[in-house]
Amino acid sequence: MLRLVFCGTPAFAVPSLRQLLAEPEFDVRAVVTQPDRRRGRGQEFSFSPVKEAALAADIPIFQPEKIKTDEVYEFFAGQAADAMVIIAYGRIIPERLLNIPRLGWINLHASLLPRYRGAAPIQWAIVNGETRSGLTTMRIDAGLDTGPIMQRKEVKIGPDETAPELSARMAQAGTNLLANTLRRLARGEITPEPQDDASASLAPPLEKSDGRIAWMLPAGKIYNRIRGLQPWPGAYTTFRGQSCHIWGKPDGRSAAAPGTIELDTADWFVSCGEGSRLHLEFAQIEGRKRITAREFANGARLGAGERFE
């Protein structure tokens, strides 16, 4: 039986945790996840999705506030684990922890490494218009997603697929890949391969500013940003001095200046770069609820030639 410690935080990591708990050849001795955080308008403490899953399975849970402490080192050293499994935990593992398990720290990453190293590979793949992505299992080292590769699995990205939809699908697709990697690693059937650093690209953490729409871009690229940046930061613009999130799809041509809001028959469109336009479907002024484009236009009493900034 392979002794494991599982480190993870978001919903993306939960299917893999459940798969390891369900298979008799794995012994998940403990789960490590981020501390409980205050969320929502009421600022009440909430558990991470991984903690919720661990509680349901009655698995010991460790939630260190900091990872570079003697307490954390002693915890991992005391687990006598053959491998540490880490999926979107949210902390870079200090080098002195890496040599504790005999098989190393095994990571399931949501890209075909070395492409899209970093915290937001799914989101940036969609924003950049990729049609294919995938999953990689690797042994982590002291770098940022630079460790040697064990196995890969390619995943197609649907033309209308959003980041949450692709994330949920990839989370499920990664369960068997991870379990198979661990089994083969324990049997000595995998020789990790170094990454080609020359082919690497980055997927940095998302920032609020990443969601701002540049209307001079073609509608297709704006649509990729709308899909890729859900649920946060979302794709947004400025309307009459207020932040406004928008949703829509490329549709047709326009000769108007980028950002111009136009009525065509019964539908509303926004002019974009290269003569393209975006069919406006929903809008949400900051602090208000999301409404249809028609409700937005009626409520704002849009005038001819009005523009998003």
Protein backbone atom coordinates (compact mmCIF):
# COMPACT_ATOMS: atom_id res chain seq x y z
CA MET A 1 0.00 0.00 0.00
CA LEU A 2 1.31 3.43 -0.98
CA ARG A 3 1.29 5.90 1.92
CA LEU A 4 0.31 9.42 0.83
CA VAL A 5 -0.22 12.93 2.17
CA PHE A 6 -2.56 15.00 -0.02
CA CYS A 7 -2.04 18.77 -0.35
CA GLY A 8 -4.68 20.83 -2.14
CA THR A 9 -7.24 23.57 -1.71
CA PRO A 10 -9.79 24.31 -4.50
CA ALA A 11 -12.54 22.26 -6.08
CA PHE A 12 -10.16 21.25 -8.89
CA ALA A 13 -8.27 19.01 -6.42
CA VAL A 14 -11.31 17.27 -4.94
CA PRO A 15 -11.96 14.57 -7.61
CA SER A 16 -8.37 13.37 -7.34
CA LEU A 17 -8.56 13.21 -3.55
CA ARG A 18 -11.76 11.19 -3.74
CA GLN A 19 -10.24 8.84 -6.31
CA LEU A 20 -7.21 8.14 -4.11
CA LEU A 21 -9.46 7.55 -1.10
CA ALA A 22 -11.56 5.08 -3.10
CA GLU A 23 -8.66 2.90 -4.31
CA PRO A 24 -7.41 0.27 -1.83
CA GLU A 25 -3.74 0.48 -2.86
CA PHE A 26 -3.52 4.06 -1.56
CA ASP A 27 -3.42 5.09 2.09
CA VAL A 28 -4.12 8.83 2.40
CA ARG A 29 -2.80 9.53 5.87
CA ALA A 30 -3.56 13.25 6.05
CA VAL A 31 -4.81 16.21 4.04
CA VAL A 32 -3.05 19.57 4.03
CA THR A 33 -5.05 22.59 2.88
CA GLN A 34 -5.17 26.36 3.24
CA PRO A 35 -6.49 27.87 6.51
CA ASP A 36 -10.17 28.75 6.70
CA ARG A 37 -10.88 32.19 5.22
CA ARG A 38 -13.57 34.81 5.71
CA ARG A 39 -15.74 35.11 2.60
CA GLY A 40 -18.91 36.76 1.42
CA ARG A 41 -20.72 39.83 2.65
CA GLY A 42 -21.09 38.36 6.12
CA GLN A 43 -17.35 37.64 6.29
CA GLU A 44 -18.01 34.26 7.87
CA PHE A 45 -15.29 31.61 7.92
CA SER A 46 -15.61 29.00 5.19
CA PHE A 47 -13.75 25.76 4.53
CA SER A 48 -11.84 25.00 1.36
CA PRO A 49 -13.46 22.39 -0.94
CA VAL A 50 -10.61 20.00 -0.13
CA LYS A 51 -11.24 20.38 3.60
CA GLU A 52 -14.92 19.66 3.06
CA ALA A 53 -14.02 16.44 1.24
CA ALA A 54 -11.52 15.44 3.94
CA LEU A 55 -14.05 16.03 6.71
CA ALA A 56 -16.59 13.87 4.88
CA ALA A 57 -14.01 11.07 4.65
CA ASP A 58 -12.82 11.52 8.26
CA ILE A 59 -9.21 12.15 7.21
CA PRO A 60 -6.85 14.11 9.53
CA ILE A 61 -6.46 17.72 8.37
CA PHE A 62 -3.51 20.08 8.75
CA GLN A 63 -3.92 23.80 7.92
CA PRO A 64 -0.66 25.67 8.50
CA GLU A 65 -0.76 29.45 8.11
CA LYS A 66 2.88 29.40 6.98
CA ILE A 67 4.73 26.62 5.19
CA LYS A 68 8.34 27.51 6.12
CA THR A 69 8.26 26.54 9.79
CA ASP A 70 9.75 23.76 11.90
CA GLU A 71 6.23 22.66 12.82
CA VAL A 72 5.39 22.03 9.17
CA TYR A 73 8.65 20.17 8.59
CA GLU A 74 8.03 17.94 11.58
CA PHE A 75 4.48 17.27 10.42
CA PHE A 76 5.52 16.02 6.99
CA ALA A 77 8.52 14.10 8.32
CA GLY A 78 6.27 12.39 10.86
CA GLN A 79 3.80 11.05 8.30
CA ALA A 80 6.17 8.37 6.94
CA ALA A 81 4.61 8.94 3.52
CA ASP A 82 5.98 7.34 0.36
CA ALA A 83 4.83 10.36 -1.66
CA MET A 84 3.22 13.74 -1.17
CA VAL A 85 0.51 14.54 -3.69
CA ILE A 86 0.02 18.23 -4.39
CA ILE A 87 -2.71 19.82 -6.53
CA ALA A 88 -3.33 23.57 -6.49
CA TYR A 89 -2.37 23.81 -2.83
CA GLY A 90 -1.55 27.51 -3.08
CA ARG A 91 1.95 27.56 -1.60
CA ILE A 92 5.41 26.96 -3.07
CA ILE A 93 6.95 24.04 -1.19
CA PRO A 94 10.28 24.88 0.52
CA GLU A 95 13.27 22.95 -0.75
CA ARG A 96 13.97 21.27 2.59
CA LEU A 97 10.59 19.51 2.43
CA LEU A 98 11.10 18.08 -1.05
CA ASN A 99 13.34 15.17 -0.03
CA ILE A 100 11.19 13.90 2.83
CA PRO A 101 9.12 11.30 0.85
CA ARG A 102 11.11 8.62 -0.98
CA LEU A 103 9.09 9.08 -4.19
CA GLY A 104 8.99 12.85 -3.97
CA TRP A 105 6.18 15.37 -4.31
CA ILE A 106 3.88 14.46 -7.20
CA ASN A 107 1.91 17.29 -8.78
CA LEU A 108 -1.05 17.21 -11.16
CA HIS A 109 -0.82 20.40 -13.25
CA ALA A 110 -3.57 21.66 -15.56
CA SER A 111 -1.50 22.19 -18.71
CA LEU A 112 0.80 20.34 -21.04
CA LEU A 113 4.04 21.39 -19.41
CA PRO A 114 6.32 23.18 -20.04
CA ARG A 115 3.58 25.42 -21.45
CA TYR A 116 1.56 27.51 -19.00
CA ARG A 117 3.63 27.15 -15.87
CA GLY A 118 2.01 28.98 -12.98
CA ALA A 119 -1.17 29.52 -11.02
CA ALA A 120 -3.77 30.02 -13.76
CA PRO A 121 -3.04 27.66 -16.69
CA ILE A 122 -6.67 26.97 -17.57
CA GLN A 123 -7.67 30.63 -17.65
CA TRP A 124 -4.71 31.80 -19.72
CA ALA A 125 -5.05 28.95 -22.20
CA ILE A 126 -8.61 30.09 -22.98
CA VAL A 127 -7.71 33.80 -23.00
CA ASN A 128 -4.95 33.05 -25.50
CA GLY A 129 -7.33 31.20 -27.80
CA GLU A 130 -5.88 27.71 -27.36
CA THR A 131 -7.96 24.86 -28.75
CA ARG A 132 -6.06 22.17 -26.83
CA SER A 133 -4.65 21.92 -23.34
CA GLY A 134 -4.08 19.01 -21.04
CA LEU A 135 -2.80 17.63 -17.77
CA THR A 136 0.69 16.75 -16.62
CA THR A 137 1.95 14.77 -13.67
CA MET A 138 5.42 15.77 -12.53
CA ARG A 139 7.78 15.57 -9.58
CA ILE A 140 8.09 19.09 -8.21
CA ASP A 141 11.45 20.72 -7.57
CA ALA A 142 12.51 24.09 -6.19
CA GLY A 143 11.30 25.97 -9.31
CA LEU A 144 7.85 27.06 -10.45
CA ASP A 145 6.36 24.02 -12.23
CA THR A 146 9.80 23.15 -13.60
CA GLY A 147 10.14 19.60 -12.30
CA PRO A 148 10.57 16.48 -14.45
CA ILE A 149 7.51 15.18 -16.28
CA MET A 150 5.98 11.75 -15.70
CA GLN A 151 2.81 11.52 -17.77
CA ARG A 152 0.59 13.77 -19.90
CA LYS A 153 -3.00 13.71 -21.10
CA GLU A 154 -4.28 16.02 -23.85
CA VAL A 155 -7.68 17.71 -23.51
CA LYS A 156 -9.55 19.62 -26.21
CA ILE A 157 -10.98 23.04 -25.37
CA GLY A 158 -14.49 23.65 -26.69
CA PRO A 159 -15.01 26.85 -28.74
CA ASP A 160 -17.52 28.19 -26.20
CA GLU A 161 -16.11 26.53 -23.07
CA THR A 162 -15.55 28.75 -20.04
CA ALA A 163 -12.78 28.43 -17.47
CA PRO A 164 -15.09 26.90 -14.80
CA GLU A 165 -16.45 24.37 -17.32
CA LEU A 166 -13.02 23.35 -18.55
CA SER A 167 -11.66 23.22 -15.00
CA ALA A 168 -14.42 20.82 -13.90
CA ARG A 169 -13.84 18.59 -16.91
CA MET A 170 -10.07 18.55 -16.48
CA ALA A 171 -10.37 17.83 -12.77
CA GLN A 172 -12.24 14.63 -13.59
CA ALA A 173 -9.86 13.73 -16.42
CA GLY A 174 -6.89 14.06 -14.08
CA THR A 175 -8.02 11.50 -11.52
CA ASN A 176 -6.98 8.38 -13.43
CA LEU A 177 -3.82 10.06 -14.73
CA LEU A 178 -2.67 10.81 -11.19
CA ALA A 179 -3.55 7.37 -9.82
CA ASN A 180 -1.82 5.65 -12.73
CA THR A 181 1.28 7.79 -12.28
CA LEU A 182 1.50 6.89 -8.60
CA ARG A 183 1.06 3.17 -9.29
CA ARG A 184 3.69 3.13 -12.05
CA LEU A 185 6.08 5.26 -10.01
CA ALA A 186 5.86 2.85 -7.07
CA ARG A 187 6.64 -0.06 -9.41
CA GLY A 188 9.62 1.74 -10.93
CA GLU A 189 7.98 1.92 -14.35
CA ILE A 190 8.38 5.68 -14.89
CA THR A 191 11.54 7.57 -15.72
CA PRO A 192 10.80 11.28 -15.23
CA GLU A 193 11.84 13.43 -18.22
CA PRO A 194 13.31 16.94 -17.84
CA GLN A 195 11.25 19.79 -19.21
CA ASP A 196 12.37 21.80 -22.23
CA ASP A 197 12.77 25.25 -20.70
CA ALA A 198 13.08 26.84 -24.13
CA SER A 199 9.46 25.87 -24.86
CA ALA A 200 8.09 27.16 -21.55
CA SER A 201 5.40 29.81 -21.17
CA LEU A 202 3.86 31.34 -18.05
CA ALA A 203 0.36 31.48 -16.57
CA PRO A 204 0.70 34.04 -13.76
CA PRO A 205 -1.92 34.60 -11.05
CA LEU A 206 -4.93 36.56 -12.26
CA GLU A 207 -5.21 40.23 -11.37
CA LYS A 208 -8.23 42.52 -11.47
CA SER A 209 -6.71 44.49 -14.34
CA ASP A 210 -6.56 41.38 -16.55
CA GLY A 211 -10.32 41.62 -17.03
CA ARG A 212 -10.40 45.11 -18.57
CA ILE A 213 -11.58 44.92 -22.18
CA ALA A 214 -9.57 46.64 -24.90
CA TRP A 215 -12.25 47.27 -27.54
CA MET A 216 -9.68 47.71 -30.32
CA LEU A 217 -9.08 43.96 -30.15
CA PRO A 218 -11.07 41.68 -32.51
CA ALA A 219 -14.33 40.35 -31.06
CA GLY A 220 -12.94 36.80 -31.02
CA LYS A 221 -10.13 37.77 -28.68
CA ILE A 222 -12.52 39.68 -26.43
CA TYR A 223 -14.77 36.61 -26.34
CA ASN A 224 -11.81 34.46 -25.26
CA ARG A 225 -11.24 36.87 -22.37
CA ILE A 226 -14.92 36.69 -21.41
CA ARG A 227 -14.73 32.87 -21.36
CA GLY A 228 -11.34 32.58 -19.73
CA LEU A 229 -11.74 35.05 -16.88
CA GLN A 230 -14.94 33.67 -15.38
CA PRO A 231 -15.82 33.85 -12.53
CA TRP A 232 -13.06 36.29 -11.53
CA PRO A 233 -12.03 38.91 -12.47
CA GLY A 234 -14.53 38.65 -15.32
CA ALA A 235 -14.43 40.79 -18.47
CA TYR A 236 -15.36 44.38 -17.77
CA THR A 237 -15.40 47.85 -19.26
CA THR A 238 -16.48 51.31 -18.15
CA PHE A 239 -19.95 52.73 -18.84
CA ARG A 240 -20.75 56.31 -17.86
CA GLY A 241 -17.94 56.24 -15.34
CA GLN A 242 -18.95 52.96 -13.72
CA SER A 243 -17.39 49.52 -14.01
CA CYS A 244 -19.57 47.19 -16.09
CA HIS A 245 -19.05 43.46 -16.62
CA ILE A 246 -20.27 42.17 -19.96
CA TRP A 247 -21.01 38.84 -21.63
CA GLY A 248 -21.43 38.22 -25.34
CA LYS A 249 -20.23 36.44 -28.48
CA PRO A 250 -18.70 37.50 -31.81
CA ASP A 251 -21.39 38.13 -34.41
CA GLY A 252 -21.18 40.09 -37.67
CA ARG A 253 -19.34 43.18 -38.82
CA SER A 254 -19.35 46.85 -37.86
CA ALA A 255 -17.87 50.04 -39.32
CA ALA A 256 -18.27 52.02 -36.07
CA ALA A 257 -15.44 52.97 -33.74
CA PRO A 258 -14.44 50.25 -31.24
CA GLY A 259 -16.58 50.35 -28.12
CA THR A 260 -19.63 51.82 -29.86
CA ILE A 261 -22.93 50.28 -28.73
CA GLU A 262 -25.32 49.64 -31.64
CA LEU A 263 -28.88 48.41 -32.03
CA ASP A 264 -29.43 45.99 -34.92
CA THR A 265 -33.03 44.86 -35.31
CA ALA A 266 -33.86 43.78 -31.73
CA ASP A 267 -30.34 42.97 -30.54
CA TRP A 268 -27.50 45.05 -29.14
CA PHE A 269 -23.91 44.87 -30.35
CA VAL A 270 -20.57 46.44 -29.47
CA SER A 271 -18.10 47.37 -32.19
CA CYS A 272 -14.65 45.84 -31.82
CA GLY A 273 -11.33 45.97 -33.62
CA GLU A 274 -10.75 44.95 -37.25
CA GLY A 275 -14.36 45.69 -38.14
CA SER A 276 -15.75 42.96 -35.93
CA ARG A 277 -18.52 43.21 -33.36
CA LEU A 278 -19.70 41.48 -30.20
CA HIS A 279 -23.32 40.45 -29.69
CA LEU A 280 -24.03 41.84 -26.22
CA GLU A 281 -26.00 39.28 -24.19
CA PHE A 282 -25.70 40.37 -20.54
CA ALA A 283 -24.34 43.31 -18.57
CA GLN A 284 -23.78 44.04 -14.89
CA ILE A 285 -23.04 47.48 -13.52
CA GLU A 286 -20.86 47.30 -10.41
CA GLY A 287 -22.99 46.77 -7.30
CA ARG A 288 -26.05 45.63 -9.25
CA LYS A 289 -27.34 42.31 -10.54
CA ARG A 290 -26.65 40.83 -13.96
CA ILE A 291 -29.34 41.70 -16.53
CA THR A 292 -29.98 41.01 -20.20
CA ALA A 293 -28.63 43.39 -22.84
CA ARG A 294 -32.17 44.57 -23.59
CA GLU A 295 -32.83 45.32 -19.91
CA PHE A 296 -29.52 47.14 -19.73
CA ALA A 297 -30.30 49.24 -22.81
CA ASN A 298 -33.79 50.09 -21.61
CA GLY A 299 -32.66 50.99 -18.12
CA ALA A 300 -29.77 53.11 -19.37
CA ARG A 301 -31.86 54.68 -22.15
CA LEU A 302 -29.00 54.22 -24.54
CA GLY A 303 -28.54 56.95 -27.09
CA ALA A 304 -27.23 56.72 -30.65
CA GLY A 305 -23.45 56.31 -30.80
CA GLU A 306 -22.97 55.78 -27.06
CA ARG A 307 -19.79 53.91 -26.22
CA PHE A 308 -18.13 51.74 -23.63
CA GLU A 309 -14.90 53.41 -22.59
